[in-house]
Amino acid sequence: MEKEDIVQNILSHATGTASYHKYSTFPFYPVITDGVKAIAEAAGCYWLLDIIGSYQQNKKLDPYFQAWKLTVNEDDSAVVNGYNDTTLTITQKVEYTDFPLDEIELFLIDGVILLPSEY
């Protein structure tokens, strides 16, 4: 099964979480749900979680609700956008990624990164 199919399968079945996982030793980094952990492992994209975690001490971000969107370009570069509700707050360019989907959205709610379907 290709990486894209694996990630799509995870996304289609992630509707909640049984536990939270700490993926970083940095104390201010959020924890992740089972679905996010499965995506990170299948797609090799812990770097995306690190990008989100690295901005958590930024005073511009709402500590209670954030939306994060990774958009992959045709040349395999990408952009990660962080939103307070619907207001674009953070933009970070990524020179190269092999993330298998054209885009993915994650929420960060009260210190937990989750898939929208897990909300």
PDB file of N, CA and C in Angstrom:
ATOM      1  N   MET A   1       0.848  -1.176   0.000  1.00  0.00           N
ATOM      2  CA  MET A   1       0.000   0.000   0.000  1.00  0.00           C
ATOM      3  C   MET A   1       0.892   1.238   0.000  1.00  0.00           C
ATOM      4  N   GLU A   2       0.560   2.211  -0.823  1.00  0.00           N
ATOM      5  CA  GLU A   2       1.355   3.425  -0.906  1.00  0.00           C
ATOM      6  C   GLU A   2       1.102   4.334   0.294  1.00  0.00           C
ATOM      7  N   LYS A   3       2.090   5.198   0.552  1.00  0.00           N
ATOM      8  CA  LYS A   3       2.000   6.103   1.704  1.00  0.00           C
ATOM      9  C   LYS A   3       0.736   6.962   1.646  1.00  0.00           C
ATOM     10  N   GLU A   4       0.375   7.436   0.467  1.00  0.00           N
ATOM     11  CA  GLU A   4      -0.827   8.264   0.341  1.00  0.00           C
ATOM     12  C   GLU A   4      -2.072   7.492   0.751  1.00  0.00           C
ATOM     13  N   ASP A   5      -2.171   6.231   0.332  1.00  0.00           N
ATOM     14  CA  ASP A   5      -3.325   5.407   0.689  1.00  0.00           C
ATOM     15  C   ASP A   5      -3.377   5.146   2.193  1.00  0.00           C
ATOM     16  N   ILE A   6      -2.223   4.924   2.791  1.00  0.00           N
ATOM     17  CA  ILE A   6      -2.160   4.680   4.236  1.00  0.00           C
ATOM     18  C   ILE A   6      -2.650   5.914   5.000  1.00  0.00           C
ATOM     19  N   VAL A   7      -2.161   7.088   4.594  1.00  0.00           N
ATOM     20  CA  VAL A   7      -2.556   8.331   5.273  1.00  0.00           C
ATOM     21  C   VAL A   7      -4.046   8.593   5.078  1.00  0.00           C
ATOM     22  N   GLN A   8      -4.557   8.391   3.862  1.00  0.00           N
ATOM     23  CA  GLN A   8      -5.996   8.582   3.612  1.00  0.00           C
ATOM     24  C   GLN A   8      -6.826   7.627   4.465  1.00  0.00           C
ATOM     25  N   ASN A   9      -6.361   6.399   4.605  1.00  0.00           N
ATOM     26  CA  ASN A   9      -7.062   5.414   5.429  1.00  0.00           C
ATOM     27  C   ASN A   9      -7.100   5.848   6.894  1.00  0.00           C
ATOM     28  N   ILE A  10      -5.987   6.342   7.387  1.00  0.00           N
ATOM     29  CA  ILE A  10      -5.946   6.847   8.774  1.00  0.00           C
ATOM     30  C   ILE A  10      -6.928   7.996   8.942  1.00  0.00           C
ATOM     31  N   LEU A  11      -6.912   8.941   7.996  1.00  0.00           N
ATOM     32  CA  LEU A  11      -7.805  10.095   8.074  1.00  0.00           C
ATOM     33  C   LEU A  11      -9.276   9.680   8.052  1.00  0.00           C
ATOM     34  N   SER A  12      -9.597   8.666   7.280  1.00  0.00           N
ATOM     35  CA  SER A  12     -10.998   8.265   7.163  1.00  0.00           C
ATOM     36  C   SER A  12     -11.506   7.492   8.393  1.00  0.00           C
ATOM     37  N   HIS A  13     -10.587   7.008   9.231  1.00  0.00           N
ATOM     38  CA  HIS A  13     -11.001   6.226  10.396  1.00  0.00           C
ATOM     39  C   HIS A  13     -10.757   6.920  11.740  1.00  0.00           C
ATOM     40  N   ALA A  14     -10.097   8.053  11.736  1.00  0.00           N
ATOM     41  CA  ALA A  14      -9.772   8.743  12.990  1.00  0.00           C
ATOM     42  C   ALA A  14     -10.979   9.560  13.452  1.00  0.00           C
ATOM     43  N   THR A  15     -11.641   9.070  14.485  1.00  0.00           N
ATOM     44  CA  THR A  15     -12.825   9.767  14.996  1.00  0.00           C
ATOM     45  C   THR A  15     -12.742  10.067  16.486  1.00  0.00           C
ATOM     46  N   GLY A  16     -11.648   9.772  17.089  1.00  0.00           N
ATOM     47  CA  GLY A  16     -11.465  10.016  18.511  1.00  0.00           C
ATOM     48  C   GLY A  16     -10.105   9.495  18.907  1.00  0.00           C
ATOM     49  N   THR A  17      -9.780   9.578  20.159  1.00  0.00           N
ATOM     50  CA  THR A  17      -8.490   9.085  20.607  1.00  0.00           C
ATOM     51  C   THR A  17      -8.646   8.359  21.933  1.00  0.00           C
ATOM     52  N   ALA A  18      -7.831   7.350  22.124  1.00  0.00           N
ATOM     53  CA  ALA A  18      -7.832   6.618  23.393  1.00  0.00           C
ATOM     54  C   ALA A  18      -6.803   7.190  24.353  1.00  0.00           C
ATOM     55  N   SER A  19      -5.770   7.855  23.790  1.00  0.00           N
ATOM     56  CA  SER A  19      -4.734   8.416  24.659  1.00  0.00           C
ATOM     57  C   SER A  19      -4.018   9.560  23.953  1.00  0.00           C
ATOM     58  N   TYR A  20      -3.244  10.277  24.744  1.00  0.00           N
ATOM     59  CA  TYR A  20      -2.436  11.380  24.234  1.00  0.00           C
ATOM     60  C   TYR A  20      -0.974  10.969  24.316  1.00  0.00           C
ATOM     61  N   HIS A  21      -0.181  11.488  23.394  1.00  0.00           N
ATOM     62  CA  HIS A  21       1.222  11.101  23.310  1.00  0.00           C
ATOM     63  C   HIS A  21       2.108  12.339  23.331  1.00  0.00           C
ATOM     64  N   LYS A  22       3.113  12.314  24.181  1.00  0.00           N
ATOM     65  CA  LYS A  22       4.122  13.371  24.204  1.00  0.00           C
ATOM     66  C   LYS A  22       5.194  12.958  23.206  1.00  0.00           C
ATOM     67  N   TYR A  23       5.454  13.802  22.223  1.00  0.00           N
ATOM     68  CA  TYR A  23       6.412  13.448  21.182  1.00  0.00           C
ATOM     69  C   TYR A  23       7.693  14.279  21.260  1.00  0.00           C
ATOM     70  N   SER A  24       7.739  15.228  22.172  1.00  0.00           N
ATOM     71  CA  SER A  24       8.902  16.107  22.286  1.00  0.00           C
ATOM     72  C   SER A  24       9.278  16.292  23.744  1.00  0.00           C
ATOM     73  N   THR A  25      10.548  16.541  23.978  1.00  0.00           N
ATOM     74  CA  THR A  25      10.999  16.810  25.342  1.00  0.00           C
ATOM     75  C   THR A  25      10.839  18.274  25.731  1.00  0.00           C
ATOM     76  N   PHE A  26      10.515  19.144  24.760  1.00  0.00           N
ATOM     77  CA  PHE A  26      10.300  20.544  25.088  1.00  0.00           C
ATOM     78  C   PHE A  26       9.023  20.675  25.914  1.00  0.00           C
ATOM     79  N   PRO A  27       9.084  21.329  27.072  1.00  0.00           N
ATOM     80  CA  PRO A  27       7.931  21.356  27.970  1.00  0.00           C
ATOM     81  C   PRO A  27       6.720  22.105  27.420  1.00  0.00           C
ATOM     82  N   PHE A  28       6.914  23.049  26.509  1.00  0.00           N
ATOM     83  CA  PHE A  28       5.791  23.838  25.997  1.00  0.00           C
ATOM     84  C   PHE A  28       5.192  23.245  24.721  1.00  0.00           C
ATOM     85  N   TYR A  29       5.756  22.147  24.214  1.00  0.00           N
ATOM     86  CA  TYR A  29       5.203  21.500  23.031  1.00  0.00           C
ATOM     87  C   TYR A  29       3.910  20.776  23.397  1.00  0.00           C
ATOM     88  N   PRO A  30       2.937  20.783  22.492  1.00  0.00           N
ATOM     89  CA  PRO A  30       1.680  20.098  22.779  1.00  0.00           C
ATOM     90  C   PRO A  30       1.824  18.579  22.702  1.00  0.00           C
ATOM     91  N   VAL A  31       0.808  17.897  23.181  1.00  0.00           N
ATOM     92  CA  VAL A  31       0.719  16.445  23.015  1.00  0.00           C
ATOM     93  C   VAL A  31      -0.105  16.174  21.757  1.00  0.00           C
ATOM     94  N   ILE A  32      -0.099  14.913  21.293  1.00  0.00           N
ATOM     95  CA  ILE A  32      -0.815  14.556  20.073  1.00  0.00           C
ATOM     96  C   ILE A  32      -1.766  13.387  20.342  1.00  0.00           C
ATOM     97  N   THR A  33      -2.779  13.280  19.502  1.00  0.00           N
ATOM     98  CA  THR A  33      -3.750  12.194  19.608  1.00  0.00           C
ATOM     99  C   THR A  33      -3.242  10.952  18.877  1.00  0.00           C
ATOM    100  N   ASP A  34      -3.985   9.864  19.019  1.00  0.00           N
ATOM    101  CA  ASP A  34      -3.655   8.624  18.309  1.00  0.00           C
ATOM    102  C   ASP A  34      -3.635   8.833  16.794  1.00  0.00           C
ATOM    103  N   GLY A  35      -4.614   9.566  16.266  1.00  0.00           N
ATOM    104  CA  GLY A  35      -4.695   9.806  14.825  1.00  0.00           C
ATOM    105  C   GLY A  35      -3.522  10.612  14.301  1.00  0.00           C
ATOM    106  N   VAL A  36      -3.153  11.659  15.018  1.00  0.00           N
ATOM    107  CA  VAL A  36      -2.011  12.485  14.606  1.00  0.00           C
ATOM    108  C   VAL A  36      -0.726  11.672  14.686  1.00  0.00           C
ATOM    109  N   LYS A  37      -0.595  10.872  15.726  1.00  0.00           N
ATOM    110  CA  LYS A  37       0.589  10.007  15.863  1.00  0.00           C
ATOM    111  C   LYS A  37       0.678   9.036  14.683  1.00  0.00           C
ATOM    112  N   ALA A  38      -0.444   8.450  14.310  1.00  0.00           N
ATOM    113  CA  ALA A  38      -0.458   7.503  13.184  1.00  0.00           C
ATOM    114  C   ALA A  38      -0.083   8.197  11.879  1.00  0.00           C
ATOM    115  N   ILE A  39      -0.581   9.416  11.667  1.00  0.00           N
ATOM    116  CA  ILE A  39      -0.222  10.181  10.458  1.00  0.00           C
ATOM    117  C   ILE A  39       1.263  10.508  10.469  1.00  0.00           C
ATOM    118  N   ALA A  40       1.773  10.974  11.604  1.00  0.00           N
ATOM    119  CA  ALA A  40       3.191  11.344  11.709  1.00  0.00           C
ATOM    120  C   ALA A  40       4.094  10.152  11.425  1.00  0.00           C
ATOM    121  N   GLU A  41       3.718   8.991  11.927  1.00  0.00           N
ATOM    122  CA  GLU A  41       4.522   7.795  11.689  1.00  0.00           C
ATOM    123  C   GLU A  41       4.416   7.327  10.238  1.00  0.00           C
ATOM    124  N   ALA A  42       3.208   7.289   9.696  1.00  0.00           N
ATOM    125  CA  ALA A  42       2.999   6.793   8.332  1.00  0.00           C
ATOM    126  C   ALA A  42       3.622   7.714   7.281  1.00  0.00           C
ATOM    127  N   ALA A  43       3.524   9.024   7.504  1.00  0.00           N
ATOM    128  CA  ALA A  43       4.013   9.995   6.523  1.00  0.00           C
ATOM    129  C   ALA A  43       5.404  10.518   6.855  1.00  0.00           C
ATOM    130  N   GLY A  44       5.938  10.136   8.005  1.00  0.00           N
ATOM    131  CA  GLY A  44       7.250  10.645   8.405  1.00  0.00           C
ATOM    132  C   GLY A  44       7.245  12.154   8.556  1.00  0.00           C
ATOM    133  N   CYS A  45       6.208  12.674   9.183  1.00  0.00           N
ATOM    134  CA  CYS A  45       6.075  14.139   9.251  1.00  0.00           C
ATOM    135  C   CYS A  45       6.064  14.678  10.680  1.00  0.00           C
ATOM    136  N   TYR A  46       6.897  14.129  11.541  1.00  0.00           N
ATOM    137  CA  TYR A  46       7.041  14.726  12.869  1.00  0.00           C
ATOM    138  C   TYR A  46       7.566  16.155  12.755  1.00  0.00           C
ATOM    139  N   TRP A  47       8.229  16.458  11.651  1.00  0.00           N
ATOM    140  CA  TRP A  47       8.715  17.820  11.413  1.00  0.00           C
ATOM    141  C   TRP A  47       7.561  18.826  11.401  1.00  0.00           C
ATOM    142  N   LEU A  48       6.390  18.408  10.894  1.00  0.00           N
ATOM    143  CA  LEU A  48       5.223  19.287  10.887  1.00  0.00           C
ATOM    144  C   LEU A  48       4.771  19.587  12.314  1.00  0.00           C
ATOM    145  N   LEU A  49       4.795  18.593  13.161  1.00  0.00           N
ATOM    146  CA  LEU A  49       4.440  18.791  14.569  1.00  0.00           C
ATOM    147  C   LEU A  49       5.457  19.687  15.254  1.00  0.00           C
ATOM    148  N   ASP A  50       6.735  19.549  14.870  1.00  0.00           N
ATOM    149  CA  ASP A  50       7.773  20.419  15.428  1.00  0.00           C
ATOM    150  C   ASP A  50       7.559  21.872  15.020  1.00  0.00           C
ATOM    151  N   ILE A  51       7.121  22.086  13.783  1.00  0.00           N
ATOM    152  CA  ILE A  51       6.822  23.460  13.354  1.00  0.00           C
ATOM    153  C   ILE A  51       5.719  24.037  14.230  1.00  0.00           C
ATOM    154  N   ILE A  52       4.650  23.284  14.403  1.00  0.00           N
ATOM    155  CA  ILE A  52       3.538  23.756  15.234  1.00  0.00           C
ATOM    156  C   ILE A  52       4.012  23.991  16.670  1.00  0.00           C
ATOM    157  N   GLY A  53       4.736  23.042  17.221  1.00  0.00           N
ATOM    158  CA  GLY A  53       5.230  23.181  18.593  1.00  0.00           C
ATOM    159  C   GLY A  53       6.157  24.368  18.772  1.00  0.00           C
ATOM    160  N   SER A  54       6.968  24.634  17.767  1.00  0.00           N
ATOM    161  CA  SER A  54       7.958  25.712  17.886  1.00  0.00           C
ATOM    162  C   SER A  54       7.330  27.091  17.990  1.00  0.00           C
ATOM    163  N   TYR A  55       6.089  27.240  17.575  1.00  0.00           N
ATOM    164  CA  TYR A  55       5.409  28.535  17.638  1.00  0.00           C
ATOM    165  C   TYR A  55       4.563  28.719  18.896  1.00  0.00           C
ATOM    166  N   GLN A  56       4.538  27.748  19.781  1.00  0.00           N
ATOM    167  CA  GLN A  56       3.598  27.809  20.900  1.00  0.00           C
ATOM    168  C   GLN A  56       3.918  28.873  21.939  1.00  0.00           C
ATOM    169  N   GLN A  57       5.097  29.432  21.905  1.00  0.00           N
ATOM    170  CA  GLN A  57       5.385  30.545  22.823  1.00  0.00           C
ATOM    171  C   GLN A  57       5.211  31.902  22.140  1.00  0.00           C
ATOM    172  N   ASN A  58       4.712  31.885  20.916  1.00  0.00           N
ATOM    173  CA  ASN A  58       4.443  33.117  20.175  1.00  0.00           C
ATOM    174  C   ASN A  58       3.168  33.754  20.736  1.00  0.00           C
ATOM    175  N   LYS A  59       3.277  34.968  21.180  1.00  0.00           N
ATOM    176  CA  LYS A  59       2.152  35.663  21.829  1.00  0.00           C
ATOM    177  C   LYS A  59       1.000  35.959  20.866  1.00  0.00           C
ATOM    178  N   LYS A  60       1.251  35.876  19.540  1.00  0.00           N
ATOM    179  CA  LYS A  60       0.194  36.132  18.565  1.00  0.00           C
ATOM    180  C   LYS A  60      -0.829  35.003  18.507  1.00  0.00           C
ATOM    181  N   LEU A  61      -0.440  33.814  18.951  1.00  0.00           N
ATOM    182  CA  LEU A  61      -1.310  32.654  18.826  1.00  0.00           C
ATOM    183  C   LEU A  61      -2.241  32.500  20.020  1.00  0.00           C
ATOM    184  N   ASP A  62      -3.473  32.131  19.726  1.00  0.00           N
ATOM    185  CA  ASP A  62      -4.458  31.827  20.758  1.00  0.00           C
ATOM    186  C   ASP A  62      -4.050  30.504  21.413  1.00  0.00           C
ATOM    187  N   PRO A  63      -3.828  30.474  22.721  1.00  0.00           N
ATOM    188  CA  PRO A  63      -3.390  29.235  23.360  1.00  0.00           C
ATOM    189  C   PRO A  63      -4.497  28.168  23.447  1.00  0.00           C
ATOM    190  N   TYR A  64      -5.745  28.543  23.156  1.00  0.00           N
ATOM    191  CA  TYR A  64      -6.859  27.612  23.335  1.00  0.00           C
ATOM    192  C   TYR A  64      -7.345  26.964  22.041  1.00  0.00           C
ATOM    193  N   PHE A  65      -7.261  27.680  20.917  1.00  0.00           N
ATOM    194  CA  PHE A  65      -7.683  27.088  19.648  1.00  0.00           C
ATOM    195  C   PHE A  65      -6.865  27.652  18.493  1.00  0.00           C
ATOM    196  N   GLN A  66      -6.222  26.743  17.760  1.00  0.00           N
ATOM    197  CA  GLN A  66      -5.472  27.104  16.559  1.00  0.00           C
ATOM    198  C   GLN A  66      -5.808  26.090  15.473  1.00  0.00           C
ATOM    199  N   ALA A  67      -5.787  26.539  14.238  1.00  0.00           N
ATOM    200  CA  ALA A  67      -5.896  25.649  13.085  1.00  0.00           C
ATOM    201  C   ALA A  67      -4.591  25.774  12.305  1.00  0.00           C
ATOM    202  N   TRP A  68      -4.063  24.653  11.865  1.00  0.00           N
ATOM    203  CA  TRP A  68      -2.804  24.621  11.113  1.00  0.00           C
ATOM    204  C   TRP A  68      -3.037  23.880   9.808  1.00  0.00           C
ATOM    205  N   LYS A  69      -2.548  24.443   8.720  1.00  0.00           N
ATOM    206  CA  LYS A  69      -2.751  23.823   7.413  1.00  0.00           C
ATOM    207  C   LYS A  69      -1.417  23.724   6.673  1.00  0.00           C
ATOM    208  N   LEU A  70      -1.104  22.505   6.249  1.00  0.00           N
ATOM    209  CA  LEU A  70       0.051  22.252   5.396  1.00  0.00           C
ATOM    210  C   LEU A  70      -0.456  22.143   3.971  1.00  0.00           C
ATOM    211  N   THR A  71       0.113  22.937   3.072  1.00  0.00           N
ATOM    212  CA  THR A  71      -0.229  22.873   1.652  1.00  0.00           C
ATOM    213  C   THR A  71       1.046  22.570   0.880  1.00  0.00           C
ATOM    214  N   VAL A  72       1.021  21.468   0.125  1.00  0.00           N
ATOM    215  CA  VAL A  72       2.185  21.034  -0.643  1.00  0.00           C
ATOM    216  C   VAL A  72       2.043  21.542  -2.079  1.00  0.00           C
ATOM    217  N   ASN A  73       3.107  22.150  -2.572  1.00  0.00           N
ATOM    218  CA  ASN A  73       3.131  22.685  -3.929  1.00  0.00           C
ATOM    219  C   ASN A  73       3.599  21.619  -4.921  1.00  0.00           C
ATOM    220  N   GLU A  74       3.400  21.878  -6.201  1.00  0.00           N
ATOM    221  CA  GLU A  74       3.787  20.929  -7.249  1.00  0.00           C
ATOM    222  C   GLU A  74       5.283  20.641  -7.264  1.00  0.00           C
ATOM    223  N   ASP A  75       6.109  21.600  -6.834  1.00  0.00           N
ATOM    224  CA  ASP A  75       7.570  21.396  -6.827  1.00  0.00           C
ATOM    225  C   ASP A  75       8.064  20.757  -5.529  1.00  0.00           C
ATOM    226  N   ASP A  76       7.161  20.216  -4.730  1.00  0.00           N
ATOM    227  CA  ASP A  76       7.433  19.558  -3.450  1.00  0.00           C
ATOM    228  C   ASP A  76       7.898  20.510  -2.356  1.00  0.00           C
ATOM    229  N   SER A  77       7.781  21.806  -2.590  1.00  0.00           N
ATOM    230  CA  SER A  77       7.921  22.747  -1.489  1.00  0.00           C
ATOM    231  C   SER A  77       6.550  22.824  -0.825  1.00  0.00           C
ATOM    232  N   ALA A  78       6.469  23.508   0.281  1.00  0.00           N
ATOM    233  CA  ALA A  78       5.183  23.583   0.988  1.00  0.00           C
ATOM    234  C   ALA A  78       5.128  24.859   1.805  1.00  0.00           C
ATOM    235  N   VAL A  79       3.957  25.115   2.324  1.00  0.00           N
ATOM    236  CA  VAL A  79       3.766  26.215   3.256  1.00  0.00           C
ATOM    237  C   VAL A  79       2.899  25.708   4.399  1.00  0.00           C
ATOM    238  N   VAL A  80       3.260  26.125   5.600  1.00  0.00           N
ATOM    239  CA  VAL A  80       2.477  25.805   6.793  1.00  0.00           C
ATOM    240  C   VAL A  80       1.885  27.114   7.297  1.00  0.00           C
ATOM    241  N   ASN A  81       0.567  27.164   7.398  1.00  0.00           N
ATOM    242  CA  ASN A  81      -0.121  28.353   7.888  1.00  0.00           C
ATOM    243  C   ASN A  81      -0.800  28.039   9.209  1.00  0.00           C
ATOM    244  N   GLY A  82      -0.640  28.946  10.165  1.00  0.00           N
ATOM    245  CA  GLY A  82      -1.290  28.826  11.463  1.00  0.00           C
ATOM    246  C   GLY A  82      -2.332  29.914  11.613  1.00  0.00           C
ATOM    247  N   TYR A  83      -3.501  29.533  12.092  1.00  0.00           N
ATOM    248  CA  TYR A  83      -4.627  30.453  12.208  1.00  0.00           C
ATOM    249  C   TYR A  83      -5.131  30.504  13.647  1.00  0.00           C
ATOM    250  N   ASN A  84      -5.508  31.701  14.077  1.00  0.00           N
ATOM    251  CA  ASN A  84      -6.337  31.882  15.257  1.00  0.00           C
ATOM    252  C   ASN A  84      -7.750  31.914  14.713  1.00  0.00           C
ATOM    253  N   ASP A  85      -8.497  30.867  14.948  1.00  0.00           N
ATOM    254  CA  ASP A  85      -9.822  30.726  14.356  1.00  0.00           C
ATOM    255  C   ASP A  85      -9.670  30.797  12.837  1.00  0.00           C
ATOM    256  N   THR A  86     -10.073  31.881  12.190  1.00  0.00           N
ATOM    257  CA  THR A  86      -9.919  31.993  10.736  1.00  0.00           C
ATOM    258  C   THR A  86      -8.922  33.070  10.330  1.00  0.00           C
ATOM    259  N   THR A  87      -8.240  33.679  11.296  1.00  0.00           N
ATOM    260  CA  THR A  87      -7.287  34.747  11.009  1.00  0.00           C
ATOM    261  C   THR A  87      -5.886  34.170  10.836  1.00  0.00           C
ATOM    262  N   LEU A  88      -5.312  34.341   9.646  1.00  0.00           N
ATOM    263  CA  LEU A  88      -3.951  33.869   9.383  1.00  0.00           C
ATOM    264  C   LEU A  88      -2.984  34.609  10.295  1.00  0.00           C
ATOM    265  N   THR A  89      -2.209  33.858  11.049  1.00  0.00           N
ATOM    266  CA  THR A  89      -1.313  34.442  12.046  1.00  0.00           C
ATOM    267  C   THR A  89       0.147  34.083  11.786  1.00  0.00           C
ATOM    268  N   ILE A  90       0.415  32.875  11.333  1.00  0.00           N
ATOM    269  CA  ILE A  90       1.770  32.369  11.124  1.00  0.00           C
ATOM    270  C   ILE A  90       1.860  31.770   9.722  1.00  0.00           C
ATOM    271  N   THR A  91       2.958  32.047   9.019  1.00  0.00           N
ATOM    272  CA  THR A  91       3.249  31.390   7.746  1.00  0.00           C
ATOM    273  C   THR A  91       4.708  30.970   7.763  1.00  0.00           C
ATOM    274  N   GLN A  92       4.950  29.702   7.464  1.00  0.00           N
ATOM    275  CA  GLN A  92       6.322  29.207   7.354  1.00  0.00           C
ATOM    276  C   GLN A  92       6.449  28.398   6.070  1.00  0.00           C
ATOM    277  N   LYS A  93       7.479  28.739   5.292  1.00  0.00           N
ATOM    278  CA  LYS A  93       7.751  28.001   4.059  1.00  0.00           C
ATOM    279  C   LYS A  93       8.609  26.779   4.379  1.00  0.00           C
ATOM    280  N   VAL A  94       8.386  25.708   3.636  1.00  0.00           N
ATOM    281  CA  VAL A  94       9.148  24.474   3.758  1.00  0.00           C
ATOM    282  C   VAL A  94       9.763  24.221   2.385  1.00  0.00           C
ATOM    283  N   GLU A  95      11.089  24.134   2.328  1.00  0.00           N
ATOM    284  CA  GLU A  95      11.766  24.008   1.034  1.00  0.00           C
ATOM    285  C   GLU A  95      11.436  22.708   0.325  1.00  0.00           C
ATOM    286  N   TYR A  96      11.327  21.613   1.076  1.00  0.00           N
ATOM    287  CA  TYR A  96      11.036  20.325   0.459  1.00  0.00           C
ATOM    288  C   TYR A  96      10.262  19.446   1.437  1.00  0.00           C
ATOM    289  N   THR A  97       9.298  18.725   0.891  1.00  0.00           N
ATOM    290  CA  THR A  97       8.599  17.702   1.667  1.00  0.00           C
ATOM    291  C   THR A  97       8.181  16.560   0.750  1.00  0.00           C
ATOM    292  N   ASP A  98       8.126  15.374   1.314  1.00  0.00           N
ATOM    293  CA  ASP A  98       7.576  14.240   0.580  1.00  0.00           C
ATOM    294  C   ASP A  98       6.230  13.836   1.185  1.00  0.00           C
ATOM    295  N   PHE A  99       5.571  14.785   1.866  1.00  0.00           N
ATOM    296  CA  PHE A  99       4.257  14.502   2.438  1.00  0.00           C
ATOM    297  C   PHE A  99       3.345  14.044   1.307  1.00  0.00           C
ATOM    298  N   PRO A 100       2.618  12.939   1.485  1.00  0.00           N
ATOM    299  CA  PRO A 100       1.914  12.309   0.370  1.00  0.00           C
ATOM    300  C   PRO A 100       0.603  12.959  -0.081  1.00  0.00           C
ATOM    301  N   LEU A 101       0.052  13.874   0.701  1.00  0.00           N
ATOM    302  CA  LEU A 101      -1.196  14.535   0.314  1.00  0.00           C
ATOM    303  C   LEU A 101      -0.923  15.971  -0.108  1.00  0.00           C
ATOM    304  N   ASP A 102      -1.853  16.553  -0.858  1.00  0.00           N
ATOM    305  CA  ASP A 102      -1.711  17.952  -1.262  1.00  0.00           C
ATOM    306  C   ASP A 102      -1.862  18.897  -0.083  1.00  0.00           C
ATOM    307  N   GLU A 103      -2.641  18.485   0.908  1.00  0.00           N
ATOM    308  CA  GLU A 103      -2.816  19.320   2.092  1.00  0.00           C
ATOM    309  C   GLU A 103      -3.361  18.494   3.236  1.00  0.00           C
ATOM    310  N   ILE A 104      -3.157  19.029   4.422  1.00  0.00           N
ATOM    311  CA  ILE A 104      -3.743  18.446   5.631  1.00  0.00           C
ATOM    312  C   ILE A 104      -3.964  19.583   6.620  1.00  0.00           C
ATOM    313  N   GLU A 105      -5.028  19.465   7.388  1.00  0.00           N
ATOM    314  CA  GLU A 105      -5.324  20.446   8.421  1.00  0.00           C
ATOM    315  C   GLU A 105      -5.305  19.754   9.777  1.00  0.00           C
ATOM    316  N   LEU A 106      -4.736  20.441  10.736  1.00  0.00           N
ATOM    317  CA  LEU A 106      -4.694  19.965  12.117  1.00  0.00           C
ATOM    318  C   LEU A 106      -5.222  21.074  13.012  1.00  0.00           C
ATOM    319  N   PHE A 107      -5.824  20.694  14.135  1.00  0.00           N
ATOM    320  CA  PHE A 107      -6.239  21.653  15.140  1.00  0.00           C
ATOM    321  C   PHE A 107      -5.320  21.511  16.348  1.00  0.00           C
ATOM    322  N   LEU A 108      -5.131  22.607  17.051  1.00  0.00           N
ATOM    323  CA  LEU A 108      -4.459  22.570  18.346  1.00  0.00           C
ATOM    324  C   LEU A 108      -5.427  23.190  19.339  1.00  0.00           C
ATOM    325  N   ILE A 109      -5.920  22.359  20.235  1.00  0.00           N
ATOM    326  CA  ILE A 109      -6.923  22.812  21.202  1.00  0.00           C
ATOM    327  C   ILE A 109      -6.429  22.488  22.603  1.00  0.00           C
ATOM    328  N   ASP A 110      -6.277  23.519  23.415  1.00  0.00           N
ATOM    329  CA  ASP A 110      -5.855  23.352  24.815  1.00  0.00           C
ATOM    330  C   ASP A 110      -4.635  22.446  24.951  1.00  0.00           C
ATOM    331  N   GLY A 111      -3.630  22.664  24.098  1.00  0.00           N
ATOM    332  CA  GLY A 111      -2.381  21.916  24.218  1.00  0.00           C
ATOM    333  C   GLY A 111      -2.376  20.534  23.587  1.00  0.00           C
ATOM    334  N   VAL A 112      -3.386  20.220  22.766  1.00  0.00           N
ATOM    335  CA  VAL A 112      -3.477  18.920  22.104  1.00  0.00           C
ATOM    336  C   VAL A 112      -3.606  19.127  20.596  1.00  0.00           C
ATOM    337  N   ILE A 113      -2.702  18.526  19.818  1.00  0.00           N
ATOM    338  CA  ILE A 113      -2.827  18.543  18.359  1.00  0.00           C
ATOM    339  C   ILE A 113      -3.701  17.359  17.958  1.00  0.00           C
ATOM    340  N   LEU A 114      -4.756  17.651  17.176  1.00  0.00           N
ATOM    341  CA  LEU A 114      -5.675  16.603  16.762  1.00  0.00           C
ATOM    342  C   LEU A 114      -6.126  16.829  15.323  1.00  0.00           C
ATOM    343  N   LEU A 115      -6.657  15.769  14.745  1.00  0.00           N
ATOM    344  CA  LEU A 115      -7.258  15.857  13.416  1.00  0.00           C
ATOM    345  C   LEU A 115      -8.643  16.472  13.546  1.00  0.00           C
ATOM    346  N   PRO A 116      -9.104  17.201  12.541  1.00  0.00           N
ATOM    347  CA  PRO A 116     -10.452  17.764  12.617  1.00  0.00           C
ATOM    348  C   PRO A 116     -11.524  16.708  12.892  1.00  0.00           C
ATOM    349  N   SER A 117     -11.334  15.498  12.366  1.00  0.00           N
ATOM    350  CA  SER A 117     -12.320  14.434  12.598  1.00  0.00           C
ATOM    351  C   SER A 117     -12.285  13.916  14.032  1.00  0.00           C
ATOM    352  N   GLU A 118     -11.252  14.247  14.787  1.00  0.00           N
ATOM    353  CA  GLU A 118     -11.167  13.852  16.193  1.00  0.00           C
ATOM    354  C   GLU A 118     -11.737  14.913  17.133  1.00  0.00           C
ATOM    355  N   TYR A 119     -12.148  16.037  16.579  1.00  0.00           N
ATOM    356  CA  TYR A 119     -12.649  17.153  17.379  1.00  0.00           C
ATOM    357  C   TYR A 119     -14.018  16.844  17.926  1.00  0.00           C
TER     358      TYR A 119
END
